[in-house]
PDB file of N, CA and C in Angstrom:
ATOM      1  N   MET A   1    -114.432 250.643 -91.230  1.00  0.00           N
ATOM      2  CA  MET A   1    -115.779 251.029 -90.834  1.00  0.00           C
ATOM      3  C   MET A   1    -116.882 251.088 -91.913  1.00  0.00           C
ATOM      4  N   ALA A   2    -116.191 251.125 -93.000  1.00  0.00           N
ATOM      5  CA  ALA A   2    -117.217 250.375 -94.176  1.00  0.00           C
ATOM      6  C   ALA A   2    -117.198 248.942 -94.416  1.00  0.00           C
ATOM      7  N   GLU A   3    -116.300 248.124 -93.568  1.00  0.00           N
ATOM      8  CA  GLU A   3    -116.846 246.635 -93.428  1.00  0.00           C
ATOM      9  C   GLU A   3    -118.236 246.732 -92.558  1.00  0.00           C
ATOM     10  N   ILE A   4    -118.001 247.473 -91.826  1.00  0.00           N
ATOM     11  CA  ILE A   4    -118.957 247.302 -90.598  1.00  0.00           C
ATOM     12  C   ILE A   4    -120.572 247.756 -91.343  1.00  0.00           C
ATOM     13  N   GLU A   5    -120.314 248.809 -91.968  1.00  0.00           N
ATOM     14  CA  GLU A   5    -121.823 249.477 -92.509  1.00  0.00           C
ATOM     15  C   GLU A   5    -122.235 248.533 -93.596  1.00  0.00           C
ATOM     16  N   GLU A   6    -121.008 247.568 -94.493  1.00  0.00           N
ATOM     17  CA  GLU A   6    -121.706 246.882 -95.041  1.00  0.00           C
ATOM     18  C   GLU A   6    -122.539 245.617 -94.452  1.00  0.00           C
ATOM     19  N   MET A   7    -122.166 244.982 -93.209  1.00  0.00           N
ATOM     20  CA  MET A   7    -122.684 243.908 -92.569  1.00  0.00           C
ATOM     21  C   MET A   7    -124.028 244.695 -92.314  1.00  0.00           C
ATOM     22  N   LYS A   8    -123.739 245.709 -91.502  1.00  0.00           N
ATOM     23  CA  LYS A   8    -125.231 246.581 -91.164  1.00  0.00           C
ATOM     24  C   LYS A   8    -126.238 246.442 -91.976  1.00  0.00           C
ATOM     25  N   ILE A   9    -125.907 246.721 -93.324  1.00  0.00           N
ATOM     26  CA  ILE A   9    -126.793 246.516 -94.633  1.00  0.00           C
ATOM     27  C   ILE A   9    -127.536 245.221 -94.884  1.00  0.00           C
ATOM     28  N   ARG A  10    -126.164 244.636 -95.032  1.00  0.00           N
ATOM     29  CA  ARG A  10    -126.768 242.830 -95.453  1.00  0.00           C
ATOM     30  C   ARG A  10    -127.355 242.221 -94.501  1.00  0.00           C
ATOM     31  N   VAL A  11    -127.178 242.790 -92.946  1.00  0.00           N
ATOM     32  CA  VAL A  11    -128.218 242.012 -92.013  1.00  0.00           C
ATOM     33  C   VAL A  11    -130.024 243.092 -92.239  1.00  0.00           C
ATOM     34  N   LEU A  12    -129.458 243.901 -92.222  1.00  0.00           N
ATOM     35  CA  LEU A  12    -131.038 244.699 -92.134  1.00  0.00           C
ATOM     36  C   LEU A  12    -132.033 243.908 -93.627  1.00  0.00           C
ATOM     37  N   TRP A  13    -130.962 243.905 -94.585  1.00  0.00           N
ATOM     38  CA  TRP A  13    -131.933 243.502 -95.998  1.00  0.00           C
ATOM     39  C   TRP A  13    -132.200 242.270 -95.790  1.00  0.00           C
ATOM     40  N   ALA A  14    -131.533 241.331 -94.996  1.00  0.00           N
ATOM     41  CA  ALA A  14    -131.794 240.028 -94.996  1.00  0.00           C
ATOM     42  C   ALA A  14    -132.850 239.994 -93.710  1.00  0.00           C
ATOM     43  N   GLU A  15    -133.130 240.476 -92.950  1.00  0.00           N
ATOM     44  CA  GLU A  15    -133.946 240.527 -91.827  1.00  0.00           C
ATOM     45  C   GLU A  15    -135.346 241.209 -92.492  1.00  0.00           C
ATOM     46  N   HIS A  16    -135.535 242.458 -93.731  1.00  0.00           N
ATOM     47  CA  HIS A  16    -136.490 243.182 -93.703  1.00  0.00           C
ATOM     48  C   HIS A  16    -137.075 242.718 -95.092  1.00  0.00           C
ATOM     49  N   TYR A  17    -136.321 242.309 -96.072  1.00  0.00           N
ATOM     50  CA  TYR A  17    -136.773 241.832 -97.469  1.00  0.00           C
ATOM     51  C   TYR A  17    -137.880 240.953 -97.543  1.00  0.00           C
ATOM     52  N   PRO A  18    -137.920 239.454 -96.748  1.00  0.00           N
ATOM     53  CA  PRO A  18    -138.620 238.843 -96.550  1.00  0.00           C
ATOM     54  C   PRO A  18    -140.518 239.384 -96.388  1.00  0.00           C
ATOM     55  N   SER A  19    -140.295 240.311 -95.656  1.00  0.00           N
ATOM     56  CA  SER A  19    -141.593 241.152 -95.305  1.00  0.00           C
ATOM     57  C   SER A  19    -141.780 242.393 -95.783  1.00  0.00           C
ATOM     58  N   TRP A  20    -141.273 242.718 -96.813  1.00  0.00           N
ATOM     59  CA  TRP A  20    -141.350 244.437 -97.212  1.00  0.00           C
ATOM     60  C   TRP A  20    -142.847 244.503 -97.851  1.00  0.00           C
ATOM     61  N   LYS A  21    -143.896 243.283 -98.263  1.00  0.00           N
ATOM     62  CA  LYS A  21    -144.817 243.381 -98.848  1.00  0.00           C
ATOM     63  C   LYS A  21    -145.914 243.695 -97.827  1.00  0.00           C
ATOM     64  N   GLN A  22    -145.899 242.658 -96.701  1.00  0.00           N
ATOM     65  CA  GLN A  22    -146.429 243.184 -95.501  1.00  0.00           C
ATOM     66  C   GLN A  22    -146.315 244.021 -94.488  1.00  0.00           C
ATOM     67  N   SER A  23    -144.837 244.642 -94.569  1.00  0.00           N
ATOM     68  CA  SER A  23    -144.930 245.406 -93.071  1.00  0.00           C
ATOM     69  C   SER A  23    -144.262 246.753 -93.887  1.00  0.00           C
ATOM     70  N   PRO A  24    -145.046 248.002 -93.685  1.00  0.00           N
ATOM     71  CA  PRO A  24    -144.275 249.305 -93.639  1.00  0.00           C
ATOM     72  C   PRO A  24    -142.780 249.625 -93.588  1.00  0.00           C
ATOM     73  N   GLU A  25    -142.835 248.836 -92.192  1.00  0.00           N
ATOM     74  CA  GLU A  25    -141.304 249.179 -91.486  1.00  0.00           C
ATOM     75  C   GLU A  25    -140.358 248.819 -92.763  1.00  0.00           C
ATOM     76  N   SER A  26    -140.607 247.502 -93.032  1.00  0.00           N
ATOM     77  CA  SER A  26    -139.648 246.599 -93.706  1.00  0.00           C
ATOM     78  C   SER A  26    -139.623 247.378 -95.006  1.00  0.00           C
ATOM     79  N   ARG A  27    -140.803 247.580 -95.600  1.00  0.00           N
ATOM     80  CA  ARG A  27    -140.639 248.506 -96.647  1.00  0.00           C
ATOM     81  C   ARG A  27    -139.825 249.709 -97.013  1.00  0.00           C
ATOM     82  N   ALA A  28    -139.978 250.386 -95.635  1.00  0.00           N
ATOM     83  CA  ALA A  28    -139.152 251.686 -95.470  1.00  0.00           C
ATOM     84  C   ALA A  28    -137.624 251.148 -95.182  1.00  0.00           C
ATOM     85  N   VAL A  29    -137.304 250.359 -94.707  1.00  0.00           N
ATOM     86  CA  VAL A  29    -136.071 249.972 -94.561  1.00  0.00           C
ATOM     87  C   VAL A  29    -135.197 249.625 -95.697  1.00  0.00           C
ATOM     88  N   CYS A  30    -136.140 248.357 -96.900  1.00  0.00           N
ATOM     89  CA  CYS A  30    -135.518 248.198 -97.773  1.00  0.00           C
ATOM     90  C   CYS A  30    -135.402 249.267 -98.823  1.00  0.00           C
ATOM     91  N   LEU A  31    -136.248 250.533 -98.532  1.00  0.00           N
ATOM     92  CA  LEU A  31    -136.310 251.502 -99.642  1.00  0.00           C
ATOM     93  C   LEU A  31    -135.086 252.220 -99.190  1.00  0.00           C
ATOM     94  N   ALA A  32    -134.804 252.583 -97.788  1.00  0.00           N
ATOM     95  CA  ALA A  32    -133.821 253.338 -98.066  1.00  0.00           C
ATOM     96  C   ALA A  32    -132.193 252.626 -98.433  1.00  0.00           C
ATOM     97  N   ILE A  33    -132.569 251.162 -97.995  1.00  0.00           N
ATOM     98  CA  ILE A  33    -130.941 250.232 -98.730  1.00  0.00           C
ATOM     99  C   ILE A  33    -131.221 250.835 -99.692  1.00  0.00           C
ATOM    100  N   SER A  34    -132.317 250.628-100.581  1.00  0.00           N
ATOM    101  CA  SER A  34    -131.702 250.933-102.033  1.00  0.00           C
ATOM    102  C   SER A  34    -131.331 252.169-102.563  1.00  0.00           C
ATOM    103  N   GLY A  35    -131.444 253.114-101.957  1.00  0.00           N
ATOM    104  CA  GLY A  35    -131.413 254.273-102.098  1.00  0.00           C
ATOM    105  C   GLY A  35    -129.516 254.349-101.522  1.00  0.00           C
ATOM    106  N   VAL A  36    -129.374 253.842-100.814  1.00  0.00           N
ATOM    107  CA  VAL A  36    -127.568 253.628-100.151  1.00  0.00           C
ATOM    108  C   VAL A  36    -126.663 252.917-101.654  1.00  0.00           C
ATOM    109  N   VAL A  37    -127.538 251.685-101.533  1.00  0.00           N
ATOM    110  CA  VAL A  37    -126.977 250.597-102.900  1.00  0.00           C
ATOM    111  C   VAL A  37    -126.672 251.851-104.093  1.00  0.00           C
ATOM    112  N   LYS A  38    -127.559 252.520-104.672  1.00  0.00           N
ATOM    113  CA  LYS A  38    -127.451 253.517-105.825  1.00  0.00           C
ATOM    114  C   LYS A  38    -126.641 254.407-105.688  1.00  0.00           C
ATOM    115  N   GLU A  39    -126.719 254.700-104.544  1.00  0.00           N
ATOM    116  CA  GLU A  39    -125.532 256.302-104.195  1.00  0.00           C
ATOM    117  C   GLU A  39    -124.305 255.591-104.235  1.00  0.00           C
ATOM    118  N   GLN A  40    -123.770 254.180-103.437  1.00  0.00           N
ATOM    119  CA  GLN A  40    -122.637 253.552-103.309  1.00  0.00           C
ATOM    120  C   GLN A  40    -122.139 253.254-104.941  1.00  0.00           C
ATOM    121  N   ALA A  41    -123.358 252.447-105.400  1.00  0.00           N
ATOM    122  CA  ALA A  41    -123.134 252.466-106.893  1.00  0.00           C
ATOM    123  C   ALA A  41    -122.393 253.641-107.737  1.00  0.00           C
ATOM    124  N   ALA A  42    -123.093 254.593-107.715  1.00  0.00           N
ATOM    125  CA  ALA A  42    -122.720 255.927-108.293  1.00  0.00           C
ATOM    126  C   ALA A  42    -121.413 256.646-108.066  1.00  0.00           C
ATOM    127  N   GLN A  43    -120.952 255.655-106.806  1.00  0.00           N
ATOM    128  CA  GLN A  43    -119.824 256.510-106.391  1.00  0.00           C
ATOM    129  C   GLN A  43    -118.541 255.808-106.717  1.00  0.00           C
ATOM    130  N   LEU A  44    -118.812 254.823-107.379  1.00  0.00           N
ATOM    131  CA  LEU A  44    -117.572 254.094-107.868  1.00  0.00           C
ATOM    132  C   LEU A  44    -116.776 254.713-108.877  1.00  0.00           C
ATOM    133  N   THR A  45    -115.611 254.457-109.060  1.00  0.00           N
ATOM    134  CA  THR A  45    -114.802 255.313-109.854  1.00  0.00           C
ATOM    135  C   THR A  45    -114.631 254.912-111.649  1.00  0.00           C
ATOM    136  N   ALA A  46    -114.686 253.304-111.413  1.00  0.00           N
ATOM    137  CA  ALA A  46    -114.453 252.569-112.431  1.00  0.00           C
ATOM    138  C   ALA A  46    -115.158 253.138-113.424  1.00  0.00           C
ATOM    139  N   HIS A  47    -114.712 253.123-115.009  1.00  0.00           N
ATOM    140  CA  HIS A  47    -115.127 253.407-116.025  1.00  0.00           C
ATOM    141  C   HIS A  47    -115.999 251.978-116.632  1.00  0.00           C
ATOM    142  N   VAL A  48    -116.997 252.033-116.187  1.00  0.00           N
ATOM    143  CA  VAL A  48    -117.782 250.610-116.271  1.00  0.00           C
ATOM    144  C   VAL A  48    -119.308 250.938-116.529  1.00  0.00           C
ATOM    145  N   ASP A  49    -120.053 250.460-116.896  1.00  0.00           N
ATOM    146  CA  ASP A  49    -121.450 250.501-117.188  1.00  0.00           C
ATOM    147  C   ASP A  49    -122.262 250.293-115.842  1.00  0.00           C
ATOM    148  N   TRP A  50    -123.227 251.357-115.754  1.00  0.00           N
ATOM    149  CA  TRP A  50    -123.922 251.488-114.549  1.00  0.00           C
ATOM    150  C   TRP A  50    -124.186 249.985-113.807  1.00  0.00           C
ATOM    151  N   SER A  51    -124.508 249.054-114.904  1.00  0.00           N
ATOM    152  CA  SER A  51    -124.888 247.840-114.616  1.00  0.00           C
ATOM    153  C   SER A  51    -124.116 247.088-113.545  1.00  0.00           C
ATOM    154  N   VAL A  52    -122.578 247.488-114.271  1.00  0.00           N
ATOM    155  CA  VAL A  52    -121.724 246.404-113.307  1.00  0.00           C
ATOM    156  C   VAL A  52    -121.386 247.103-112.078  1.00  0.00           C
ATOM    157  N   LYS A  53    -121.306 248.682-112.454  1.00  0.00           N
ATOM    158  CA  LYS A  53    -121.487 249.390-110.638  1.00  0.00           C
ATOM    159  C   LYS A  53    -122.576 248.838-109.612  1.00  0.00           C
ATOM    160  N   LEU A  54    -123.518 248.842-110.240  1.00  0.00           N
ATOM    161  CA  LEU A  54    -124.950 248.178-109.410  1.00  0.00           C
ATOM    162  C   LEU A  54    -124.365 246.570-109.022  1.00  0.00           C
ATOM    163  N   SER A  55    -124.242 245.860-109.905  1.00  0.00           N
ATOM    164  CA  SER A  55    -123.340 244.230-109.284  1.00  0.00           C
ATOM    165  C   SER A  55    -122.570 244.586-108.187  1.00  0.00           C
ATOM    166  N   VAL A  56    -121.782 245.268-108.843  1.00  0.00           N
ATOM    167  CA  VAL A  56    -120.639 245.371-107.851  1.00  0.00           C
ATOM    168  C   VAL A  56    -121.009 245.773-106.204  1.00  0.00           C
ATOM    169  N   THR A  57    -121.690 246.859-106.221  1.00  0.00           N
ATOM    170  CA  THR A  57    -122.531 247.180-104.914  1.00  0.00           C
ATOM    171  C   THR A  57    -123.259 246.452-104.337  1.00  0.00           C
ATOM    172  N   LEU A  58    -124.362 245.820-105.121  1.00  0.00           N
ATOM    173  CA  LEU A  58    -124.976 244.283-104.516  1.00  0.00           C
ATOM    174  C   LEU A  58    -124.380 243.648-104.151  1.00  0.00           C
ATOM    175  N   THR A  59    -123.328 242.831-104.882  1.00  0.00           N
ATOM    176  CA  THR A  59    -122.506 241.800-104.287  1.00  0.00           C
ATOM    177  C   THR A  59    -121.709 242.158-102.850  1.00  0.00           C
ATOM    178  N   SER A  60    -121.532 243.705-102.748  1.00  0.00           N
ATOM    179  CA  SER A  60    -120.389 243.957-101.483  1.00  0.00           C
ATOM    180  C   SER A  60    -121.481 244.245-100.287  1.00  0.00           C
ATOM    181  N   TYR A  61    -122.843 244.141-100.460  1.00  0.00           N
ATOM    182  CA  TYR A  61    -123.596 244.240 -99.440  1.00  0.00           C
ATOM    183  C   TYR A  61    -124.328 242.858 -99.385  1.00  0.00           C
ATOM    184  N   HIS A  62    -123.908 241.759-100.579  1.00  0.00           N
ATOM    185  CA  HIS A  62    -124.380 240.772-100.430  1.00  0.00           C
ATOM    186  C   HIS A  62    -126.137 240.261-100.600  1.00  0.00           C
ATOM    187  N   ILE A  63    -126.490 241.509-101.089  1.00  0.00           N
ATOM    188  CA  ILE A  63    -128.261 241.443-101.406  1.00  0.00           C
ATOM    189  C   ILE A  63    -127.768 240.788-102.928  1.00  0.00           C
ATOM    190  N   PRO A  64    -128.753 239.702-102.730  1.00  0.00           N
ATOM    191  CA  PRO A  64    -129.177 239.233-104.582  1.00  0.00           C
ATOM    192  C   PRO A  64    -129.943 239.986-105.157  1.00  0.00           C
ATOM    193  N   LYS A  65    -129.272 240.119-106.668  1.00  0.00           N
ATOM    194  CA  LYS A  65    -129.972 240.681-107.751  1.00  0.00           C
ATOM    195  C   LYS A  65    -131.268 240.621-108.041  1.00  0.00           C
ATOM    196  N   ASP A  66    -131.949 239.586-108.054  1.00  0.00           N
ATOM    197  CA  ASP A  66    -133.162 239.296-108.032  1.00  0.00           C
ATOM    198  C   ASP A  66    -133.910 239.713-106.921  1.00  0.00           C
ATOM    199  N   GLN A  67    -133.653 239.637-105.791  1.00  0.00           N
ATOM    200  CA  GLN A  67    -134.431 240.381-104.402  1.00  0.00           C
ATOM    201  C   GLN A  67    -134.233 241.865-104.838  1.00  0.00           C
ATOM    202  N   PHE A  68    -133.227 242.612-105.364  1.00  0.00           N
ATOM    203  CA  PHE A  68    -133.467 244.128-105.560  1.00  0.00           C
ATOM    204  C   PHE A  68    -134.119 244.000-106.603  1.00  0.00           C
ATOM    205  N   ALA A  69    -133.989 243.524-107.588  1.00  0.00           N
ATOM    206  CA  ALA A  69    -135.137 243.630-108.637  1.00  0.00           C
ATOM    207  C   ALA A  69    -136.747 243.708-108.639  1.00  0.00           C
ATOM    208  N   GLU A  70    -136.765 242.698-107.603  1.00  0.00           N
ATOM    209  CA  GLU A  70    -138.081 242.424-107.026  1.00  0.00           C
ATOM    210  C   GLU A  70    -138.699 243.552-106.266  1.00  0.00           C
ATOM    211  N   PHE A  71    -137.852 243.982-105.167  1.00  0.00           N
ATOM    212  CA  PHE A  71    -138.144 244.968-104.541  1.00  0.00           C
ATOM    213  C   PHE A  71    -138.672 246.255-105.461  1.00  0.00           C
ATOM    214  N   LEU A  72    -137.686 246.353-106.134  1.00  0.00           N
ATOM    215  CA  LEU A  72    -137.909 247.639-106.875  1.00  0.00           C
ATOM    216  C   LEU A  72    -138.818 247.540-108.071  1.00  0.00           C
ATOM    217  N   GLY A  73    -139.392 246.726-108.275  1.00  0.00           N
ATOM    218  CA  GLY A  73    -140.304 246.222-109.817  1.00  0.00           C
ATOM    219  C   GLY A  73    -139.532 246.660-111.090  1.00  0.00           C
ATOM    220  N   ASP A  74    -140.253 246.273-111.741  1.00  0.00           N
ATOM    221  CA  ASP A  74    -139.516 245.971-113.660  1.00  0.00           C
ATOM    222  C   ASP A  74    -139.275 247.645-113.806  1.00  0.00           C
ATOM    223  N   GLY A  75    -140.398 248.258-113.237  1.00  0.00           N
ATOM    224  CA  GLY A  75    -140.063 249.793-113.949  1.00  0.00           C
ATOM    225  C   GLY A  75    -138.978 250.510-112.929  1.00  0.00           C
ATOM    226  N   ALA A  76    -139.108 250.404-111.788  1.00  0.00           N
ATOM    227  CA  ALA A  76    -137.813 250.893-111.479  1.00  0.00           C
ATOM    228  C   ALA A  76    -136.410 250.312-111.508  1.00  0.00           C
ATOM    229  N   TRP A  77    -136.462 249.058-111.781  1.00  0.00           N
ATOM    230  CA  TRP A  77    -135.308 248.275-111.658  1.00  0.00           C
ATOM    231  C   TRP A  77    -134.810 248.871-113.924  1.00  0.00           C
ATOM    232  N   ALA A  78    -135.815 249.439-114.492  1.00  0.00           N
ATOM    233  CA  ALA A  78    -135.297 249.685-115.816  1.00  0.00           C
ATOM    234  C   ALA A  78    -134.666 250.868-115.758  1.00  0.00           C
ATOM    235  N   GLN A  79    -135.137 251.999-114.738  1.00  0.00           N
ATOM    236  CA  GLN A  79    -134.875 253.389-114.470  1.00  0.00           C
ATOM    237  C   GLN A  79    -133.256 253.347-113.996  1.00  0.00           C
ATOM    238  N   LEU A  80    -133.165 252.393-113.315  1.00  0.00           N
ATOM    239  CA  LEU A  80    -131.589 252.207-112.765  1.00  0.00           C
ATOM    240  C   LEU A  80    -130.614 252.428-113.675  1.00  0.00           C
ATOM    241  N   PHE A  81    -131.087 251.851-115.134  1.00  0.00           N
ATOM    242  CA  PHE A  81    -130.125 251.279-116.100  1.00  0.00           C
ATOM    243  C   PHE A  81    -130.295 252.395-117.229  1.00  0.00           C
ATOM    244  N   GLU A  82    -131.195 253.784-116.989  1.00  0.00           N
ATOM    245  CA  GLU A  82    -131.437 254.463-117.697  1.00  0.00           C
ATOM    246  C   GLU A  82    -130.152 255.532-118.036  1.00  0.00           C
ATOM    247  N   ALA A  83    -129.322 255.751-117.026  1.00  0.00           N
ATOM    248  CA  ALA A  83    -127.903 256.605-116.989  1.00  0.00           C
ATOM    249  C   ALA A  83    -126.925 255.946-117.961  1.00  0.00           C
ATOM    250  N   ASP A  84    -126.870 254.600-118.577  1.00  0.00           N
ATOM    251  CA  ASP A  84    -125.851 254.407-119.315  1.00  0.00           C
ATOM    252  C   ASP A  84    -126.469 254.180-120.879  1.00  0.00           C
ATOM    253  N   ARG A  85    -127.865 254.017-121.265  1.00  0.00           N
ATOM    254  CA  ARG A  85    -128.485 254.414-122.213  1.00  0.00           C
ATOM    255  C   ARG A  85    -127.605 255.246-123.021  1.00  0.00           C
ATOM    256  N   PRO A  86    -127.379 255.377-124.181  1.00  0.00           N
ATOM    257  CA  PRO A  86    -126.800 256.736-125.212  1.00  0.00           C
ATOM    258  C   PRO A  86    -128.560 257.453-125.224  1.00  0.00           C
ATOM    259  N   ARG A  87    -128.581 258.784-125.142  1.00  0.00           N
ATOM    260  CA  ARG A  87    -129.344 259.803-125.422  1.00  0.00           C
ATOM    261  C   ARG A  87    -129.770 259.880-126.726  1.00  0.00           C
ATOM    262  N   LYS A  88    -130.874 259.941-127.535  1.00  0.00           N
ATOM    263  CA  LYS A  88    -131.060 260.124-128.682  1.00  0.00           C
ATOM    264  C   LYS A  88    -131.135 261.619-128.994  1.00  0.00           C
ATOM    265  N   GLY A  89    -131.141 262.148-130.038  1.00  0.00           N
ATOM    266  CA  GLY A  89    -131.398 263.477-130.370  1.00  0.00           C
ATOM    267  C   GLY A  89    -132.845 264.010-130.012  1.00  0.00           C
ATOM    268  N   PRO A  90    -133.002 265.267-130.214  1.00  0.00           N
ATOM    269  CA  PRO A  90    -134.174 265.629-130.253  1.00  0.00           C
ATOM    270  C   PRO A  90    -134.850 265.785-131.688  1.00  0.00           C
TER     271      PRO A  90
END
């Protein structure tokens, strides 16, 4: 079942990513997929950095990291890695 879901996401990303800037529908699909990617990465049980979890998840969905980063923009992309940064005290 998971393989079918991964295939669907891969196909949807490949179909909608090229037109996300022009099409509100494609933008919405890519946004939904980015949410799924973040959720799946968070569910990985490996004790590794968030960036590794995200890379593993993107690879499983065949989503190029540079496309994902471009879609999210620099600010949003950086926020994905905030979870791994050590917090400084007050």
